[in-house]
């Protein structure tokens, strides 16, 4: 006759010790990380620019038949609607005026 030693109790799969079901926990380190404060953006302007970009991307996807364009292609679409990289702007245009 073979006898087995009983193993210590294991937590059941899918259950976590010490927490209520469905509770979420955020890291205090992630809560401390904040991006620098930027001046508020006009919501109407932002919405107009967002819609212009989305329409240009939709037009590009329909023209090329690609569902997922590459980042290079996204940059091409941005440039086609007049976007200029801040790195390419003259120093006077990119520096904040106080």
PDB file of N, CA and C in Angstrom:
ATOM      1  N   UNK A   1       0.829  -1.157   0.000  1.00  0.00           N
ATOM      2  CA  UNK A   1       0.000   0.000   0.000  1.00  0.00           C
ATOM      3  C   UNK A   1       0.888   1.239   0.000  1.00  0.00           C
ATOM      4  N   UNK A   2       0.571   2.191  -0.895  1.00  0.00           N
ATOM      5  CA  UNK A   2       1.350   3.409  -1.043  1.00  0.00           C
ATOM      6  C   UNK A   2       0.613   4.548  -0.363  1.00  0.00           C
ATOM      7  N   UNK A   3       1.327   5.257   0.475  1.00  0.00           N
ATOM      8  CA  UNK A   3       0.709   6.417   1.125  1.00  0.00           C
ATOM      9  C   UNK A   3       1.382   7.685   0.601  1.00  0.00           C
ATOM     10  N   UNK A   4       0.588   8.717   0.459  1.00  0.00           N
ATOM     11  CA  UNK A   4       1.120   9.995  -0.014  1.00  0.00           C
ATOM     12  C   UNK A   4       1.090  10.993   1.139  1.00  0.00           C
ATOM     13  N   UNK A   5       2.104  11.824   1.129  1.00  0.00           N
ATOM     14  CA  UNK A   5       2.104  12.898   2.102  1.00  0.00           C
ATOM     15  C   UNK A   5       1.181  13.992   1.578  1.00  0.00           C
ATOM     16  N   UNK A   6       0.462  14.577   2.469  1.00  0.00           N
ATOM     17  CA  UNK A   6      -0.422  15.651   2.019  1.00  0.00           C
ATOM     18  C   UNK A   6       0.414  16.907   1.782  1.00  0.00           C
ATOM     19  N   UNK A   7       0.114  17.572   0.663  1.00  0.00           N
ATOM     20  CA  UNK A   7       0.846  18.800   0.326  1.00  0.00           C
ATOM     21  C   UNK A   7       0.158  19.987   0.984  1.00  0.00           C
ATOM     22  N   UNK A   8       0.912  21.058   1.240  1.00  0.00           N
ATOM     23  CA  UNK A   8       0.271  22.232   1.831  1.00  0.00           C
ATOM     24  C   UNK A   8      -0.797  22.785   0.890  1.00  0.00           C
ATOM     25  N   UNK A   9      -1.748  23.456   1.467  1.00  0.00           N
ATOM     26  CA  UNK A   9      -2.864  24.000   0.672  1.00  0.00           C
ATOM     27  C   UNK A   9      -2.335  24.997  -0.343  1.00  0.00           C
ATOM     28  N   UNK A  10      -2.796  24.859  -1.564  1.00  0.00           N
ATOM     29  CA  UNK A  10      -2.416  25.774  -2.636  1.00  0.00           C
ATOM     30  C   UNK A  10      -3.597  26.672  -2.955  1.00  0.00           C
ATOM     31  N   UNK A  11      -3.305  27.900  -3.350  1.00  0.00           N
ATOM     32  CA  UNK A  11      -4.425  28.751  -3.766  1.00  0.00           C
ATOM     33  C   UNK A  11      -5.051  28.194  -5.035  1.00  0.00           C
ATOM     34  N   UNK A  12      -6.349  28.348  -5.149  1.00  0.00           N
ATOM     35  CA  UNK A  12      -7.043  27.852  -6.323  1.00  0.00           C
ATOM     36  C   UNK A  12      -6.723  28.738  -7.514  1.00  0.00           C
ATOM     37  N   UNK A  13      -6.717  28.143  -8.676  1.00  0.00           N
ATOM     38  CA  UNK A  13      -6.430  28.893  -9.898  1.00  0.00           C
ATOM     39  C   UNK A  13      -7.476  29.966 -10.113  1.00  0.00           C
ATOM     40  N   UNK A  14      -7.008  31.165 -10.531  1.00  0.00           N
ATOM     41  CA  UNK A  14      -7.938  32.244 -10.828  1.00  0.00           C
ATOM     42  C   UNK A  14      -8.266  33.115  -9.632  1.00  0.00           C
ATOM     43  N   UNK A  15      -7.838  32.723  -8.439  1.00  0.00           N
ATOM     44  CA  UNK A  15      -8.105  33.525  -7.252  1.00  0.00           C
ATOM     45  C   UNK A  15      -6.791  34.091  -6.750  1.00  0.00           C
ATOM     46  N   UNK A  16      -6.842  35.330  -6.297  1.00  0.00           N
ATOM     47  CA  UNK A  16      -5.653  35.978  -5.760  1.00  0.00           C
ATOM     48  C   UNK A  16      -5.807  36.103  -4.256  1.00  0.00           C
ATOM     49  N   UNK A  17      -4.702  35.933  -3.556  1.00  0.00           N
ATOM     50  CA  UNK A  17      -4.742  36.089  -2.111  1.00  0.00           C
ATOM     51  C   UNK A  17      -4.762  37.561  -1.738  1.00  0.00           C
ATOM     52  N   UNK A  18      -5.490  37.898  -0.706  1.00  0.00           N
ATOM     53  CA  UNK A  18      -5.448  39.224  -0.132  1.00  0.00           C
ATOM     54  C   UNK A  18      -6.184  40.307  -0.891  1.00  0.00           C
ATOM     55  N   UNK A  19      -6.999  39.985  -1.850  1.00  0.00           N
ATOM     56  CA  UNK A  19      -7.702  41.027  -2.579  1.00  0.00           C
ATOM     57  C   UNK A  19      -9.110  40.616  -2.917  1.00  0.00           C
ATOM     58  N   UNK A  20      -9.952  41.591  -3.033  1.00  0.00           N
ATOM     59  CA  UNK A  20     -11.330  41.307  -3.410  1.00  0.00           C
ATOM     60  C   UNK A  20     -11.399  41.037  -4.901  1.00  0.00           C
ATOM     61  N   UNK A  21     -12.332  40.246  -5.288  1.00  0.00           N
ATOM     62  CA  UNK A  21     -12.472  39.919  -6.701  1.00  0.00           C
ATOM     63  C   UNK A  21     -12.809  41.174  -7.490  1.00  0.00           C
ATOM     64  N   UNK A  22     -12.093  41.386  -8.605  1.00  0.00           N
ATOM     65  CA  UNK A  22     -12.383  42.508  -9.475  1.00  0.00           C
ATOM     66  C   UNK A  22     -11.715  43.807  -9.060  1.00  0.00           C
ATOM     67  N   UNK A  23     -10.984  43.808  -7.953  1.00  0.00           N
ATOM     68  CA  UNK A  23     -10.331  45.055  -7.545  1.00  0.00           C
ATOM     69  C   UNK A  23      -9.069  45.259  -8.369  1.00  0.00           C
ATOM     70  N   UNK A  24      -8.755  46.523  -8.611  1.00  0.00           N
ATOM     71  CA  UNK A  24      -7.542  46.839  -9.358  1.00  0.00           C
ATOM     72  C   UNK A  24      -6.595  47.583  -8.452  1.00  0.00           C
ATOM     73  N   UNK A  25      -5.327  47.452  -8.727  1.00  0.00           N
ATOM     74  CA  UNK A  25      -4.312  48.079  -7.908  1.00  0.00           C
ATOM     75  C   UNK A  25      -3.404  48.888  -8.811  1.00  0.00           C
ATOM     76  N   UNK A  26      -3.173  50.115  -8.459  1.00  0.00           N
ATOM     77  CA  UNK A  26      -2.271  50.936  -9.250  1.00  0.00           C
ATOM     78  C   UNK A  26      -0.974  51.129  -8.492  1.00  0.00           C
ATOM     79  N   UNK A  27       0.088  51.172  -9.212  1.00  0.00           N
ATOM     80  CA  UNK A  27       1.392  51.369  -8.624  1.00  0.00           C
ATOM     81  C   UNK A  27       1.550  52.817  -8.194  1.00  0.00           C
ATOM     82  N   UNK A  28       2.087  53.028  -7.024  1.00  0.00           N
ATOM     83  CA  UNK A  28       2.287  54.398  -6.575  1.00  0.00           C
ATOM     84  C   UNK A  28       3.333  55.095  -7.439  1.00  0.00           C
ATOM     85  N   UNK A  29       4.243  54.313  -8.009  1.00  0.00           N
ATOM     86  CA  UNK A  29       5.255  54.897  -8.879  1.00  0.00           C
ATOM     87  C   UNK A  29       4.630  55.435 -10.162  1.00  0.00           C
ATOM     88  N   UNK A  30       3.672  54.701 -10.729  1.00  0.00           N
ATOM     89  CA  UNK A  30       3.028  55.179 -11.949  1.00  0.00           C
ATOM     90  C   UNK A  30       2.158  56.396 -11.664  1.00  0.00           C
ATOM     91  N   UNK A  31       1.604  56.467 -10.463  1.00  0.00           N
ATOM     92  CA  UNK A  31       0.789  57.626 -10.112  1.00  0.00           C
ATOM     93  C   UNK A  31       1.638  58.877  -9.964  1.00  0.00           C
ATOM     94  N   UNK A  32       2.907  58.719  -9.609  1.00  0.00           N
ATOM     95  CA  UNK A  32       3.798  59.862  -9.438  1.00  0.00           C
ATOM     96  C   UNK A  32       4.325  60.392 -10.763  1.00  0.00           C
ATOM     97  N   UNK A  33       4.375  59.537 -11.778  1.00  0.00           N
ATOM     98  CA  UNK A  33       4.886  59.973 -13.083  1.00  0.00           C
ATOM     99  C   UNK A  33       3.840  60.816 -13.778  1.00  0.00           C
ATOM    100  N   UNK A  34       4.156  62.029 -14.014  1.00  0.00           N
ATOM    101  CA  UNK A  34       3.250  62.934 -14.704  1.00  0.00           C
ATOM    102  C   UNK A  34       4.022  63.640 -15.805  1.00  0.00           C
ATOM    103  N   UNK A  35       3.336  63.920 -16.892  1.00  0.00           N
ATOM    104  CA  UNK A  35       3.975  64.684 -17.953  1.00  0.00           C
ATOM    105  C   UNK A  35       3.996  66.148 -17.536  1.00  0.00           C
ATOM    106  N   UNK A  36       4.948  66.909 -18.063  1.00  0.00           N
ATOM    107  CA  UNK A  36       4.994  68.329 -17.708  1.00  0.00           C
ATOM    108  C   UNK A  36       3.720  69.043 -18.151  1.00  0.00           C
ATOM    109  N   UNK A  37       3.343  70.044 -17.393  1.00  0.00           N
ATOM    110  CA  UNK A  37       2.125  70.800 -17.706  1.00  0.00           C
ATOM    111  C   UNK A  37       2.314  71.552 -19.018  1.00  0.00           C
ATOM    112  N   UNK A  38       1.368  71.421 -19.893  1.00  0.00           N
ATOM    113  CA  UNK A  38       1.381  72.137 -21.162  1.00  0.00           C
ATOM    114  C   UNK A  38       0.194  73.081 -21.178  1.00  0.00           C
ATOM    115  N   UNK A  39       0.300  74.170 -21.934  1.00  0.00           N
ATOM    116  CA  UNK A  39      -0.833  75.083 -21.982  1.00  0.00           C
ATOM    117  C   UNK A  39      -2.058  74.382 -22.571  1.00  0.00           C
ATOM    118  N   UNK A  40      -3.246  74.756 -22.119  1.00  0.00           N
ATOM    119  CA  UNK A  40      -4.456  74.110 -22.642  1.00  0.00           C
ATOM    120  C   UNK A  40      -4.634  74.378 -24.135  1.00  0.00           C
ATOM    121  N   UNK A  41      -5.165  73.384 -24.817  1.00  0.00           N
ATOM    122  CA  UNK A  41      -5.392  73.485 -26.255  1.00  0.00           C
ATOM    123  C   UNK A  41      -6.872  73.754 -26.489  1.00  0.00           C
ATOM    124  N   UNK A  42      -7.154  74.599 -27.453  1.00  0.00           N
ATOM    125  CA  UNK A  42      -8.536  74.909 -27.797  1.00  0.00           C
ATOM    126  C   UNK A  42      -9.220  73.640 -28.299  1.00  0.00           C
ATOM    127  N   UNK A  43     -10.269  73.157 -27.635  1.00  0.00           N
ATOM    128  CA  UNK A  43     -10.915  71.908 -28.040  1.00  0.00           C
ATOM    129  C   UNK A  43     -11.472  71.939 -29.460  1.00  0.00           C
ATOM    130  N   UNK A  44     -11.969  73.083 -29.897  1.00  0.00           N
ATOM    131  CA  UNK A  44     -12.515  73.165 -31.260  1.00  0.00           C
ATOM    132  C   UNK A  44     -11.419  73.005 -32.295  1.00  0.00           C
ATOM    133  N   UNK A  45     -10.267  73.641 -32.063  1.00  0.00           N
ATOM    134  CA  UNK A  45      -9.147  73.519 -32.989  1.00  0.00           C
ATOM    135  C   UNK A  45      -8.623  72.091 -33.007  1.00  0.00           C
ATOM    136  N   UNK A  46      -8.508  71.506 -31.822  1.00  0.00           N
ATOM    137  CA  UNK A  46      -8.027  70.133 -31.729  1.00  0.00           C
ATOM    138  C   UNK A  46      -8.961  69.187 -32.483  1.00  0.00           C
ATOM    139  N   UNK A  47     -10.261  69.389 -32.301  1.00  0.00           N
ATOM    140  CA  UNK A  47     -11.243  68.535 -32.983  1.00  0.00           C
ATOM    141  C   UNK A  47     -11.152  68.708 -34.499  1.00  0.00           C
ATOM    142  N   UNK A  48     -10.982  69.937 -34.964  1.00  0.00           N
ATOM    143  CA  UNK A  48     -10.851  70.187 -36.399  1.00  0.00           C
ATOM    144  C   UNK A  48      -9.607  69.493 -36.946  1.00  0.00           C
ATOM    145  N   UNK A  49      -8.470  69.632 -36.247  1.00  0.00           N
ATOM    146  CA  UNK A  49      -7.232  69.000 -36.705  1.00  0.00           C
ATOM    147  C   UNK A  49      -7.344  67.483 -36.672  1.00  0.00           C
ATOM    148  N   UNK A  50      -7.978  66.956 -35.634  1.00  0.00           N
ATOM    149  CA  UNK A  50      -8.164  65.505 -35.527  1.00  0.00           C
ATOM    150  C   UNK A  50      -9.011  64.981 -36.680  1.00  0.00           C
ATOM    151  N   UNK A  51     -10.106  65.662 -36.970  1.00  0.00           N
ATOM    152  CA  UNK A  51     -10.974  65.235 -38.072  1.00  0.00           C
ATOM    153  C   UNK A  51     -10.255  65.341 -39.415  1.00  0.00           C
ATOM    154  N   UNK A  52      -9.477  66.401 -39.597  1.00  0.00           N
ATOM    155  CA  UNK A  52      -8.730  66.555 -40.837  1.00  0.00           C
ATOM    156  C   UNK A  52      -7.748  65.394 -41.020  1.00  0.00           C
ATOM    157  N   UNK A  53      -7.054  65.014 -39.944  1.00  0.00           N
ATOM    158  CA  UNK A  53      -6.109  63.893 -40.007  1.00  0.00           C
ATOM    159  C   UNK A  53      -6.838  62.578 -40.280  1.00  0.00           C
ATOM    160  N   UNK A  54      -7.942  62.343 -39.573  1.00  0.00           N
ATOM    161  CA  UNK A  54      -8.688  61.094 -39.770  1.00  0.00           C
ATOM    162  C   UNK A  54      -9.225  60.977 -41.192  1.00  0.00           C
ATOM    163  N   UNK A  55      -9.716  62.086 -41.751  1.00  0.00           N
ATOM    164  CA  UNK A  55     -10.213  62.059 -43.133  1.00  0.00           C
ATOM    165  C   UNK A  55      -9.072  61.782 -44.111  1.00  0.00           C
ATOM    166  N   UNK A  56      -7.907  62.406 -43.870  1.00  0.00           N
ATOM    167  CA  UNK A  56      -6.756  62.183 -44.755  1.00  0.00           C
ATOM    168  C   UNK A  56      -6.288  60.728 -44.677  1.00  0.00           C
ATOM    169  N   UNK A  57      -6.282  60.145 -43.464  1.00  0.00           N
ATOM    170  CA  UNK A  57      -5.876  58.743 -43.321  1.00  0.00           C
ATOM    171  C   UNK A  57      -6.881  57.820 -44.002  1.00  0.00           C
ATOM    172  N   UNK A  58      -8.156  58.108 -43.855  1.00  0.00           N
ATOM    173  CA  UNK A  58      -9.187  57.291 -44.488  1.00  0.00           C
ATOM    174  C   UNK A  58      -9.037  57.342 -46.009  1.00  0.00           C
ATOM    175  N   UNK A  59      -8.808  58.545 -46.525  1.00  0.00           N
ATOM    176  CA  UNK A  59      -8.619  58.702 -47.972  1.00  0.00           C
ATOM    177  C   UNK A  59      -7.402  57.910 -48.450  1.00  0.00           C
ATOM    178  N   UNK A  60      -6.297  57.966 -47.682  1.00  0.00           N
ATOM    179  CA  UNK A  60      -5.081  57.234 -48.041  1.00  0.00           C
ATOM    180  C   UNK A  60      -5.326  55.721 -48.027  1.00  0.00           C
ATOM    181  N   UNK A  61      -6.016  55.238 -46.988  1.00  0.00           N
ATOM    182  CA  UNK A  61      -6.287  53.799 -46.881  1.00  0.00           C
ATOM    183  C   UNK A  61      -7.168  53.307 -48.025  1.00  0.00           C
ATOM    184  N   UNK A  62      -8.155  54.106 -48.405  1.00  0.00           N
ATOM    185  CA  UNK A  62      -9.021  53.708 -49.522  1.00  0.00           C
ATOM    186  C   UNK A  62      -8.248  53.705 -50.837  1.00  0.00           C
ATOM    187  N   UNK A  63      -7.368  54.708 -51.022  1.00  0.00           N
ATOM    188  CA  UNK A  63      -6.601  54.814 -52.257  1.00  0.00           C
ATOM    189  C   UNK A  63      -5.604  53.661 -52.405  1.00  0.00           C
ATOM    190  N   UNK A  64      -4.923  53.297 -51.290  1.00  0.00           N
ATOM    191  CA  UNK A  64      -3.884  52.262 -51.361  1.00  0.00           C
ATOM    192  C   UNK A  64      -4.407  50.862 -51.072  1.00  0.00           C
ATOM    193  N   UNK A  65      -5.580  50.765 -50.427  1.00  0.00           N
ATOM    194  CA  UNK A  65      -6.118  49.456 -50.073  1.00  0.00           C
ATOM    195  C   UNK A  65      -5.474  48.864 -48.833  1.00  0.00           C
ATOM    196  N   UNK A  66      -4.665  49.657 -48.126  1.00  0.00           N
ATOM    197  CA  UNK A  66      -4.009  49.166 -46.913  1.00  0.00           C
ATOM    198  C   UNK A  66      -4.870  49.485 -45.698  1.00  0.00           C
ATOM    199  N   UNK A  67      -5.071  48.482 -44.851  1.00  0.00           N
ATOM    200  CA  UNK A  67      -5.812  48.690 -43.631  1.00  0.00           C
ATOM    201  C   UNK A  67      -4.915  49.273 -42.553  1.00  0.00           C
ATOM    202  N   UNK A  68      -3.650  48.850 -42.539  1.00  0.00           N
ATOM    203  CA  UNK A  68      -2.704  49.279 -41.520  1.00  0.00           C
ATOM    204  C   UNK A  68      -1.464  49.875 -42.182  1.00  0.00           C
ATOM    205  N   UNK A  69      -1.458  51.189 -42.432  1.00  0.00           N
ATOM    206  CA  UNK A  69      -0.279  51.801 -43.049  1.00  0.00           C
ATOM    207  C   UNK A  69       0.902  51.837 -42.081  1.00  0.00           C
ATOM    208  N   UNK A  70       2.097  51.876 -42.636  1.00  0.00           N
ATOM    209  CA  UNK A  70       3.298  51.960 -41.806  1.00  0.00           C
ATOM    210  C   UNK A  70       3.426  53.368 -41.237  1.00  0.00           C
ATOM    211  N   UNK A  71       4.324  53.546 -40.271  1.00  0.00           N
ATOM    212  CA  UNK A  71       4.532  54.873 -39.682  1.00  0.00           C
ATOM    213  C   UNK A  71       5.082  55.844 -40.719  1.00  0.00           C
ATOM    214  N   UNK A  72       5.878  55.356 -41.639  1.00  0.00           N
ATOM    215  CA  UNK A  72       6.392  56.215 -42.702  1.00  0.00           C
ATOM    216  C   UNK A  72       5.249  56.739 -43.557  1.00  0.00           C
ATOM    217  N   UNK A  73       4.286  55.877 -43.846  1.00  0.00           N
ATOM    218  CA  UNK A  73       3.127  56.295 -44.630  1.00  0.00           C
ATOM    219  C   UNK A  73       2.248  57.282 -43.850  1.00  0.00           C
ATOM    220  N   UNK A  74       2.153  57.094 -42.542  1.00  0.00           N
ATOM    221  CA  UNK A  74       1.390  58.029 -41.714  1.00  0.00           C
ATOM    222  C   UNK A  74       2.057  59.402 -41.761  1.00  0.00           C
ATOM    223  N   UNK A  75       3.393  59.434 -41.689  1.00  0.00           N
ATOM    224  CA  UNK A  75       4.107  60.706 -41.795  1.00  0.00           C
ATOM    225  C   UNK A  75       3.874  61.363 -43.152  1.00  0.00           C
ATOM    226  N   UNK A  76       3.826  60.562 -44.206  1.00  0.00           N
ATOM    227  CA  UNK A  76       3.541  61.109 -45.539  1.00  0.00           C
ATOM    228  C   UNK A  76       2.162  61.773 -45.562  1.00  0.00           C
ATOM    229  N   UNK A  77       1.180  61.134 -44.934  1.00  0.00           N
ATOM    230  CA  UNK A  77      -0.169  61.697 -44.887  1.00  0.00           C
ATOM    231  C   UNK A  77      -0.158  63.001 -44.079  1.00  0.00           C
ATOM    232  N   UNK A  78       0.538  63.004 -42.955  1.00  0.00           N
ATOM    233  CA  UNK A  78       0.630  64.221 -42.149  1.00  0.00           C
ATOM    234  C   UNK A  78       1.246  65.365 -42.946  1.00  0.00           C
ATOM    235  N   UNK A  79       2.318  65.072 -43.665  1.00  0.00           N
ATOM    236  CA  UNK A  79       2.966  66.116 -44.465  1.00  0.00           C
ATOM    237  C   UNK A  79       2.063  66.583 -45.596  1.00  0.00           C
ATOM    238  N   UNK A  80       1.247  65.681 -46.126  1.00  0.00           N
ATOM    239  CA  UNK A  80       0.352  66.065 -47.228  1.00  0.00           C
ATOM    240  C   UNK A  80      -0.731  67.047 -46.775  1.00  0.00           C
ATOM    241  N   UNK A  81      -1.053  67.055 -45.469  1.00  0.00           N
ATOM    242  CA  UNK A  81      -2.050  68.008 -44.977  1.00  0.00           C
ATOM    243  C   UNK A  81      -1.395  69.230 -44.337  1.00  0.00           C
ATOM    244  N   UNK A  82      -0.069  69.354 -44.504  1.00  0.00           N
ATOM    245  CA  UNK A  82       0.613  70.572 -44.080  1.00  0.00           C
ATOM    246  C   UNK A  82       1.341  70.524 -42.760  1.00  0.00           C
ATOM    247  N   UNK A  83       1.483  69.354 -42.161  1.00  0.00           N
ATOM    248  CA  UNK A  83       2.190  69.261 -40.889  1.00  0.00           C
ATOM    249  C   UNK A  83       3.681  69.418 -41.117  1.00  0.00           C
ATOM    250  N   UNK A  84       4.332  70.158 -40.220  1.00  0.00           N
ATOM    251  CA  UNK A  84       5.784  70.337 -40.267  1.00  0.00           C
ATOM    252  C   UNK A  84       6.340  69.921 -38.915  1.00  0.00           C
ATOM    253  N   UNK A  85       7.394  69.129 -38.937  1.00  0.00           N
ATOM    254  CA  UNK A  85       8.026  68.677 -37.708  1.00  0.00           C
ATOM    255  C   UNK A  85       8.555  69.876 -36.925  1.00  0.00           C
ATOM    256  N   UNK A  86       8.340  69.917 -35.608  1.00  0.00           N
ATOM    257  CA  UNK A  86       8.876  71.021 -34.816  1.00  0.00           C
ATOM    258  C   UNK A  86      10.396  71.132 -34.924  1.00  0.00           C
ATOM    259  N   UNK A  87      11.068  70.029 -35.198  1.00  0.00           N
ATOM    260  CA  UNK A  87      12.516  70.057 -35.351  1.00  0.00           C
ATOM    261  C   UNK A  87      12.928  70.828 -36.608  1.00  0.00           C
ATOM    262  N   UNK A  88      12.038  70.944 -37.570  1.00  0.00           N
ATOM    263  CA  UNK A  88      12.354  71.648 -38.821  1.00  0.00           C
ATOM    264  C   UNK A  88      11.902  73.102 -38.820  1.00  0.00           C
ATOM    265  N   UNK A  89      11.240  73.524 -37.757  1.00  0.00           N
ATOM    266  CA  UNK A  89      10.793  74.908 -37.664  1.00  0.00           C
ATOM    267  C   UNK A  89      11.975  75.803 -37.309  1.00  0.00           C
ATOM    268  N   UNK A  90      11.948  77.052 -37.759  1.00  0.00           N
ATOM    269  CA  UNK A  90      12.999  77.986 -37.333  1.00  0.00           C
ATOM    270  C   UNK A  90      12.961  78.159 -35.816  1.00  0.00           C
ATOM    271  N   UNK A  91      14.097  78.482 -35.219  1.00  0.00           N
ATOM    272  CA  UNK A  91      14.180  78.611 -33.761  1.00  0.00           C
ATOM    273  C   UNK A  91      13.187  79.591 -33.200  1.00  0.00           C
ATOM    274  N   UNK A  92      12.934  80.684 -33.876  1.00  0.00           N
ATOM    275  CA  UNK A  92      12.025  81.697 -33.367  1.00  0.00           C
ATOM    276  C   UNK A  92      10.584  81.194 -33.320  1.00  0.00           C
ATOM    277  N   UNK A  93      10.217  80.303 -34.220  1.00  0.00           N
ATOM    278  CA  UNK A  93       8.830  79.795 -34.258  1.00  0.00           C
ATOM    279  C   UNK A  93       8.596  78.715 -33.210  1.00  0.00           C
ATOM    280  N   UNK A  94       9.643  77.958 -32.863  1.00  0.00           N
ATOM    281  CA  UNK A  94       9.449  76.843 -31.933  1.00  0.00           C
ATOM    282  C   UNK A  94       9.637  77.247 -30.483  1.00  0.00           C
ATOM    283  N   UNK A  95      10.260  78.392 -30.211  1.00  0.00           N
ATOM    284  CA  UNK A  95      10.468  78.790 -28.820  1.00  0.00           C
ATOM    285  C   UNK A  95       9.225  79.514 -28.297  1.00  0.00           C
ATOM    286  N   UNK A  96       8.855  79.214 -27.059  1.00  0.00           N
ATOM    287  CA  UNK A  96       7.654  79.861 -26.512  1.00  0.00           C
ATOM    288  C   UNK A  96       7.898  81.347 -26.263  1.00  0.00           C
ATOM    289  N   UNK A  97       6.883  82.136 -26.522  1.00  0.00           N
ATOM    290  CA  UNK A  97       6.988  83.574 -26.314  1.00  0.00           C
ATOM    291  C   UNK A  97       6.397  83.901 -24.945  1.00  0.00           C
ATOM    292  N   UNK A  98       7.167  84.620 -24.158  1.00  0.00           N
ATOM    293  CA  UNK A  98       6.710  84.992 -22.812  1.00  0.00           C
ATOM    294  C   UNK A  98       6.374  86.441 -22.731  1.00  0.00           C
TER     295      UNK A  98
END
